[in-house]
Amino acid sequence: MTKRDAQHMAVKPDMGGLAASARAAAKPGAIPPVETWDPPFCGDIDMRIARDGTWFYQGTPIGRAPLVRLFSTILRRDGDAYFLVTPAEKVGITVEDAPFVAVDFDREGDALVFVTNVGDRAAAGPDHPIRVTRDAETGEPAPYVLIRRNLEALIDRKSFYRLIDEGETRAHDGAQWFGVASGGAFFPIAPADGLE
């Protein structure tokens, strides 16, 4: 066994250690540059983000909002996998749907500015697109907005209903679509001919 292997095996990820590392790497008001960090993978940790945005550790909800916010700042998505990343370690976590939930939005000028359950703000536009998927069986829509890097927020039901109120019909890809405009971009929600 090499010295590096021994060091890798000696690191056992836990919530307290991750929190301490995240606090050490944090700069006030800034999201750490986790995409530039390349620490060793230390395994998976029993942490899960439920579809409603609740964070769980070992099956118990994390009730401290500042701690959830701290962990949210070190979240990274690589492909379809999610990790908490510090300069010293990278641990896998489970995300049921999207890591964030957009719980509200306001129109500011020509932009729809979304707020997430962890306090992020993102103005929908070319850098923060809105997309809507549909369940293949039920047809139920699932709307998302890109918050940062490649991390999305599921737009909650009340905000989606308000978003529909902001909608309009426009030509998109050679057809008429119902959607919303924000930040100089149009985001299609549904074909206009399917709306009655």
C-alpha atoms as a PDB file:
ATOM      1  CA  MET A   1       0.000   0.000   0.000  1.00  0.00           C
ATOM      2  CA  THR A   2       1.374   3.382  -0.983  1.00  0.00           C
ATOM      3  CA  LYS A   3       1.440   6.370   1.341  1.00  0.00           C
ATOM      4  CA  ARG A   4      -1.240   8.033  -0.830  1.00  0.00           C
ATOM      5  CA  ASP A   5      -3.496   4.951  -0.553  1.00  0.00           C
ATOM      6  CA  ALA A   6      -3.056   4.954   3.223  1.00  0.00           C
ATOM      7  CA  GLN A   7      -3.974   8.642   3.392  1.00  0.00           C
ATOM      8  CA  HIS A   8      -7.017   8.056   1.187  1.00  0.00           C
ATOM      9  CA  MET A   9      -8.220   5.199   3.383  1.00  0.00           C
ATOM     10  CA  ALA A  10      -7.584   7.180   6.576  1.00  0.00           C
ATOM     11  CA  VAL A  11     -10.126   9.836   5.622  1.00  0.00           C
ATOM     12  CA  LYS A  12     -13.605   8.816   6.729  1.00  0.00           C
ATOM     13  CA  PRO A  13     -16.126  11.385   5.610  1.00  0.00           C
ATOM     14  CA  ASP A  14     -18.527  12.751   8.199  1.00  0.00           C
ATOM     15  CA  MET A  15     -20.744  15.796   8.489  1.00  0.00           C
ATOM     16  CA  GLY A  16     -18.621  17.542  11.118  1.00  0.00           C
ATOM     17  CA  GLY A  17     -15.396  17.205   9.149  1.00  0.00           C
ATOM     18  CA  LEU A  18     -17.043  18.382   5.947  1.00  0.00           C
ATOM     19  CA  ALA A  19     -18.551  21.383   7.712  1.00  0.00           C
ATOM     20  CA  ALA A  20     -15.171  22.345   9.188  1.00  0.00           C
ATOM     21  CA  SER A  21     -13.453  22.037   5.792  1.00  0.00           C
ATOM     22  CA  ALA A  22     -16.223  24.013   4.091  1.00  0.00           C
ATOM     23  CA  ARG A  23     -16.008  26.796   6.687  1.00  0.00           C
ATOM     24  CA  ALA A  24     -12.225  26.965   6.251  1.00  0.00           C
ATOM     25  CA  ALA A  25     -12.603  27.298   2.466  1.00  0.00           C
ATOM     26  CA  ALA A  26     -15.489  29.788   2.598  1.00  0.00           C
ATOM     27  CA  LYS A  27     -15.088  33.455   1.820  1.00  0.00           C
ATOM     28  CA  PRO A  28     -17.846  35.782   3.039  1.00  0.00           C
ATOM     29  CA  GLY A  29     -20.523  36.269   0.394  1.00  0.00           C
ATOM     30  CA  ALA A  30     -18.819  34.053  -2.201  1.00  0.00           C
ATOM     31  CA  ILE A  31     -19.463  30.560  -3.500  1.00  0.00           C
ATOM     32  CA  PRO A  32     -16.221  28.532  -3.281  1.00  0.00           C
ATOM     33  CA  PRO A  33     -14.651  27.564  -6.640  1.00  0.00           C
ATOM     34  CA  VAL A  34     -15.414  23.850  -6.201  1.00  0.00           C
ATOM     35  CA  GLU A  35     -15.104  23.251  -9.947  1.00  0.00           C
ATOM     36  CA  THR A  36     -11.368  24.020  -9.704  1.00  0.00           C
ATOM     37  CA  TRP A  37     -10.704  21.679  -6.780  1.00  0.00           C
ATOM     38  CA  ASP A  38      -9.516  18.127  -7.453  1.00  0.00           C
ATOM     39  CA  PRO A  39      -9.316  16.354  -4.092  1.00  0.00           C
ATOM     40  CA  PRO A  40      -9.351  12.559  -3.737  1.00  0.00           C
ATOM     41  CA  PHE A  41     -12.704  10.790  -3.707  1.00  0.00           C
ATOM     42  CA  CYS A  42     -13.312   9.640  -0.134  1.00  0.00           C
ATOM     43  CA  GLY A  43     -16.451   7.576  -0.703  1.00  0.00           C
ATOM     44  CA  ASP A  44     -20.123   8.240  -0.240  1.00  0.00           C
ATOM     45  CA  ILE A  45     -21.670   9.838   2.812  1.00  0.00           C
ATOM     46  CA  ASP A  46     -25.189   9.100   4.035  1.00  0.00           C
ATOM     47  CA  MET A  47     -26.525  12.486   2.983  1.00  0.00           C
ATOM     48  CA  ARG A  48     -29.580  12.975   0.786  1.00  0.00           C
ATOM     49  CA  ILE A  49     -31.415  15.929  -0.698  1.00  0.00           C
ATOM     50  CA  ALA A  50     -35.109  15.085  -1.026  1.00  0.00           C
ATOM     51  CA  ARG A  51     -37.249  16.315  -3.915  1.00  0.00           C
ATOM     52  CA  ASP A  52     -38.759  18.983  -1.635  1.00  0.00           C
ATOM     53  CA  GLY A  53     -35.273  20.402  -0.901  1.00  0.00           C
ATOM     54  CA  THR A  54     -34.896  18.924   2.598  1.00  0.00           C
ATOM     55  CA  TRP A  55     -31.351  17.796   3.400  1.00  0.00           C
ATOM     56  CA  PHE A  56     -30.969  14.583   5.415  1.00  0.00           C
ATOM     57  CA  TYR A  57     -27.945  13.144   7.199  1.00  0.00           C
ATOM     58  CA  GLN A  58     -28.149   9.503   8.256  1.00  0.00           C
ATOM     59  CA  GLY A  59     -31.917   9.590   7.705  1.00  0.00           C
ATOM     60  CA  THR A  60     -32.524  12.656   9.884  1.00  0.00           C
ATOM     61  CA  PRO A  61     -33.395  16.106   8.467  1.00  0.00           C
ATOM     62  CA  ILE A  62     -30.657  18.700   8.939  1.00  0.00           C
ATOM     63  CA  GLY A  63     -32.581  21.352  10.838  1.00  0.00           C
ATOM     64  CA  ARG A  64     -29.924  24.068  10.925  1.00  0.00           C
ATOM     65  CA  ALA A  65     -30.461  26.335   7.902  1.00  0.00           C
ATOM     66  CA  PRO A  66     -26.929  27.866   8.085  1.00  0.00           C
ATOM     67  CA  LEU A  67     -25.410  24.375   7.915  1.00  0.00           C
ATOM     68  CA  VAL A  68     -27.558  23.435   4.905  1.00  0.00           C
ATOM     69  CA  ARG A  69     -26.537  26.704   3.226  1.00  0.00           C
ATOM     70  CA  LEU A  70     -22.874  25.941   3.942  1.00  0.00           C
ATOM     71  CA  PHE A  71     -23.134  22.469   2.407  1.00  0.00           C
ATOM     72  CA  SER A  72     -25.011  23.879  -0.598  1.00  0.00           C
ATOM     73  CA  THR A  73     -22.017  26.102  -1.397  1.00  0.00           C
ATOM     74  CA  ILE A  74     -19.684  23.104  -1.765  1.00  0.00           C
ATOM     75  CA  LEU A  75     -22.057  21.059  -3.904  1.00  0.00           C
ATOM     76  CA  ARG A  76     -20.829  19.960  -7.320  1.00  0.00           C
ATOM     77  CA  ARG A  77     -22.369  17.883 -10.075  1.00  0.00           C
ATOM     78  CA  ASP A  78     -20.131  15.708 -12.247  1.00  0.00           C
ATOM     79  CA  GLY A  79     -22.206  14.000 -14.934  1.00  0.00           C
ATOM     80  CA  ASP A  80     -25.255  12.611 -13.155  1.00  0.00           C
ATOM     81  CA  ALA A  81     -23.531  12.323  -9.765  1.00  0.00           C
ATOM     82  CA  TYR A  82     -23.491  14.871  -6.946  1.00  0.00           C
ATOM     83  CA  PHE A  83     -20.612  15.524  -4.554  1.00  0.00           C
ATOM     84  CA  LEU A  84     -19.687  17.747  -1.648  1.00  0.00           C
ATOM     85  CA  VAL A  85     -16.203  19.031  -2.449  1.00  0.00           C
ATOM     86  CA  THR A  86     -13.606  20.753  -0.291  1.00  0.00           C
ATOM     87  CA  PRO A  87      -9.922  21.302  -1.079  1.00  0.00           C
ATOM     88  CA  ALA A  88      -9.174  18.109   0.919  1.00  0.00           C
ATOM     89  CA  GLU A  89     -11.999  15.691   0.075  1.00  0.00           C
ATOM     90  CA  LYS A  90     -14.795  14.780  -2.297  1.00  0.00           C
ATOM     91  CA  VAL A  91     -17.754  12.726  -1.075  1.00  0.00           C
ATOM     92  CA  GLY A  92     -20.781  11.437  -2.933  1.00  0.00           C
ATOM     93  CA  ILE A  93     -24.314  12.294  -1.838  1.00  0.00           C
ATOM     94  CA  THR A  94     -27.777  11.356  -3.112  1.00  0.00           C
ATOM     95  CA  VAL A  95     -30.009  13.920  -4.808  1.00  0.00           C
ATOM     96  CA  GLU A  96     -33.548  12.710  -5.512  1.00  0.00           C
ATOM     97  CA  ASP A  97     -34.346  15.295  -8.204  1.00  0.00           C
ATOM     98  CA  ALA A  98     -32.688  18.718  -8.303  1.00  0.00           C
ATOM     99  CA  PRO A  99     -30.429  19.888  -5.478  1.00  0.00           C
ATOM    100  CA  PHE A 100     -32.365  23.114  -4.947  1.00  0.00           C
ATOM    101  CA  VAL A 101     -35.988  24.249  -4.944  1.00  0.00           C
ATOM    102  CA  ALA A 102     -36.968  27.637  -6.373  1.00  0.00           C
ATOM    103  CA  VAL A 103     -39.423  28.842  -3.741  1.00  0.00           C
ATOM    104  CA  ASP A 104     -40.251  32.266  -5.172  1.00  0.00           C
ATOM    105  CA  PHE A 105     -39.481  34.742  -7.929  1.00  0.00           C
ATOM    106  CA  ASP A 106     -39.983  38.420  -8.703  1.00  0.00           C
ATOM    107  CA  ARG A 107     -39.944  40.312 -11.958  1.00  0.00           C
ATOM    108  CA  GLU A 108     -37.080  42.795 -11.921  1.00  0.00           C
ATOM    109  CA  GLY A 109     -37.105  44.778 -15.157  1.00  0.00           C
ATOM    110  CA  ASP A 110     -37.234  42.244 -17.976  1.00  0.00           C
ATOM    111  CA  ALA A 111     -35.943  39.381 -15.817  1.00  0.00           C
ATOM    112  CA  LEU A 112     -37.587  36.813 -13.573  1.00  0.00           C
ATOM    113  CA  VAL A 113     -35.330  36.508 -10.521  1.00  0.00           C
ATOM    114  CA  PHE A 114     -35.691  33.215  -8.669  1.00  0.00           C
ATOM    115  CA  VAL A 115     -34.839  32.603  -5.002  1.00  0.00           C
ATOM    116  CA  THR A 116     -34.005  29.103  -3.777  1.00  0.00           C
ATOM    117  CA  ASN A 117     -34.575  27.324  -0.500  1.00  0.00           C
ATOM    118  CA  VAL A 118     -30.884  27.875   0.351  1.00  0.00           C
ATOM    119  CA  GLY A 119     -30.849  31.595  -0.475  1.00  0.00           C
ATOM    120  CA  ASP A 120     -29.363  31.625  -3.980  1.00  0.00           C
ATOM    121  CA  ARG A 121     -30.735  34.153  -6.474  1.00  0.00           C
ATOM    122  CA  ALA A 122     -30.662  33.703 -10.238  1.00  0.00           C
ATOM    123  CA  ALA A 123     -32.133  35.858 -12.994  1.00  0.00           C
ATOM    124  CA  ALA A 124     -33.573  33.577 -15.665  1.00  0.00           C
ATOM    125  CA  GLY A 125     -31.983  34.235 -19.042  1.00  0.00           C
ATOM    126  CA  PRO A 126     -29.378  32.725 -21.361  1.00  0.00           C
ATOM    127  CA  ASP A 127     -27.035  31.925 -18.428  1.00  0.00           C
ATOM    128  CA  HIS A 128     -29.871  30.650 -16.218  1.00  0.00           C
ATOM    129  CA  PRO A 129     -32.359  28.927 -18.524  1.00  0.00           C
ATOM    130  CA  ILE A 130     -35.745  27.575 -17.536  1.00  0.00           C
ATOM    131  CA  ARG A 131     -36.700  24.137 -18.805  1.00  0.00           C
ATOM    132  CA  VAL A 132     -39.810  22.039 -18.375  1.00  0.00           C
ATOM    133  CA  THR A 133     -39.906  18.249 -18.597  1.00  0.00           C
ATOM    134  CA  ARG A 134     -43.031  16.121 -18.591  1.00  0.00           C
ATOM    135  CA  ASP A 135     -43.672  12.805 -16.895  1.00  0.00           C
ATOM    136  CA  ALA A 136     -44.017  10.224 -19.683  1.00  0.00           C
ATOM    137  CA  GLU A 137     -46.994   8.531 -18.020  1.00  0.00           C
ATOM    138  CA  THR A 138     -48.933  11.369 -16.399  1.00  0.00           C
ATOM    139  CA  GLY A 139     -47.859  14.335 -18.530  1.00  0.00           C
ATOM    140  CA  GLU A 140     -47.280  16.321 -15.336  1.00  0.00           C
ATOM    141  CA  PRO A 141     -44.776  19.141 -15.884  1.00  0.00           C
ATOM    142  CA  ALA A 142     -41.574  19.471 -13.861  1.00  0.00           C
ATOM    143  CA  PRO A 143     -40.090  22.978 -14.279  1.00  0.00           C
ATOM    144  CA  TYR A 144     -36.450  23.785 -13.490  1.00  0.00           C
ATOM    145  CA  VAL A 145     -34.182  26.822 -13.554  1.00  0.00           C
ATOM    146  CA  LEU A 146     -30.388  26.675 -13.683  1.00  0.00           C
ATOM    147  CA  ILE A 147     -29.030  28.328 -10.545  1.00  0.00           C
ATOM    148  CA  ARG A 148     -25.251  28.044 -10.740  1.00  0.00           C
ATOM    149  CA  ARG A 149     -22.702  25.970 -12.593  1.00  0.00           C
ATOM    150  CA  ASN A 150     -24.721  22.920 -13.633  1.00  0.00           C
ATOM    151  CA  LEU A 151     -26.959  22.884 -10.548  1.00  0.00           C
ATOM    152  CA  GLU A 152     -30.681  23.336 -11.065  1.00  0.00           C
ATOM    153  CA  ALA A 153     -33.643  24.168  -8.855  1.00  0.00           C
ATOM    154  CA  LEU A 154     -37.014  22.516  -9.200  1.00  0.00           C
ATOM    155  CA  ILE A 155     -39.532  25.366  -9.399  1.00  0.00           C
ATOM    156  CA  ASP A 156     -42.118  24.754  -6.664  1.00  0.00           C
ATOM    157  CA  ARG A 157     -45.798  24.426  -7.543  1.00  0.00           C
ATOM    158  CA  LYS A 158     -46.958  27.857  -6.331  1.00  0.00           C
ATOM    159  CA  SER A 159     -44.130  29.578  -8.224  1.00  0.00           C
ATOM    160  CA  PHE A 160     -44.869  27.541 -11.362  1.00  0.00           C
ATOM    161  CA  TYR A 161     -48.529  28.667 -11.250  1.00  0.00           C
ATOM    162  CA  ARG A 162     -47.343  32.268 -10.936  1.00  0.00           C
ATOM    163  CA  LEU A 163     -44.916  31.641 -13.801  1.00  0.00           C
ATOM    164  CA  ILE A 164     -47.825  30.491 -15.981  1.00  0.00           C
ATOM    165  CA  ASP A 165     -49.514  33.830 -15.252  1.00  0.00           C
ATOM    166  CA  GLU A 166     -46.428  35.529 -16.745  1.00  0.00           C
ATOM    167  CA  GLY A 167     -46.667  33.407 -19.901  1.00  0.00           C
ATOM    168  CA  GLU A 168     -47.317  34.340 -23.495  1.00  0.00           C
ATOM    169  CA  THR A 169     -47.459  32.653 -26.880  1.00  0.00           C
ATOM    170  CA  ARG A 170     -44.574  33.126 -29.306  1.00  0.00           C
ATOM    171  CA  ALA A 171     -43.091  31.486 -32.361  1.00  0.00           C
ATOM    172  CA  HIS A 172     -40.359  29.029 -31.326  1.00  0.00           C
ATOM    173  CA  ASP A 173     -38.582  26.526 -33.573  1.00  0.00           C
ATOM    174  CA  GLY A 174     -41.184  26.977 -36.325  1.00  0.00           C
ATOM    175  CA  ALA A 175     -44.237  26.495 -34.096  1.00  0.00           C
ATOM    176  CA  GLN A 176     -46.312  28.482 -31.640  1.00  0.00           C
ATOM    177  CA  TRP A 177     -45.353  27.835 -28.024  1.00  0.00           C
ATOM    178  CA  PHE A 178     -46.658  29.065 -24.698  1.00  0.00           C
ATOM    179  CA  GLY A 179     -43.763  30.109 -22.469  1.00  0.00           C
ATOM    180  CA  VAL A 180     -42.138  32.883 -20.489  1.00  0.00           C
ATOM    181  CA  ALA A 181     -39.704  35.624 -21.411  1.00  0.00           C
ATOM    182  CA  SER A 182     -36.873  36.639 -19.114  1.00  0.00           C
ATOM    183  CA  GLY A 183     -33.510  38.302 -19.543  1.00  0.00           C
ATOM    184  CA  GLY A 184     -33.899  38.611 -23.309  1.00  0.00           C
ATOM    185  CA  ALA A 185     -34.706  34.922 -23.807  1.00  0.00           C
ATOM    186  CA  PHE A 186     -37.929  32.968 -24.352  1.00  0.00           C
ATOM    187  CA  PHE A 187     -38.420  29.663 -22.551  1.00  0.00           C
ATOM    188  CA  PRO A 188     -41.070  27.370 -24.027  1.00  0.00           C
ATOM    189  CA  ILE A 189     -43.363  25.519 -21.627  1.00  0.00           C
ATOM    190  CA  ALA A 190     -45.923  23.808 -23.855  1.00  0.00           C
ATOM    191  CA  PRO A 191     -47.039  23.827 -27.510  1.00  0.00           C
ATOM    192  CA  ALA A 192     -49.721  26.499 -27.862  1.00  0.00           C
ATOM    193  CA  ASP A 193     -52.025  24.224 -29.884  1.00  0.00           C
ATOM    194  CA  GLY A 194     -52.218  21.833 -26.928  1.00  0.00           C
ATOM    195  CA  LEU A 195     -53.580  24.551 -24.624  1.00  0.00           C
ATOM    196  CA  GLU A 196     -57.286  25.136 -24.479  1.00  0.00           C
END
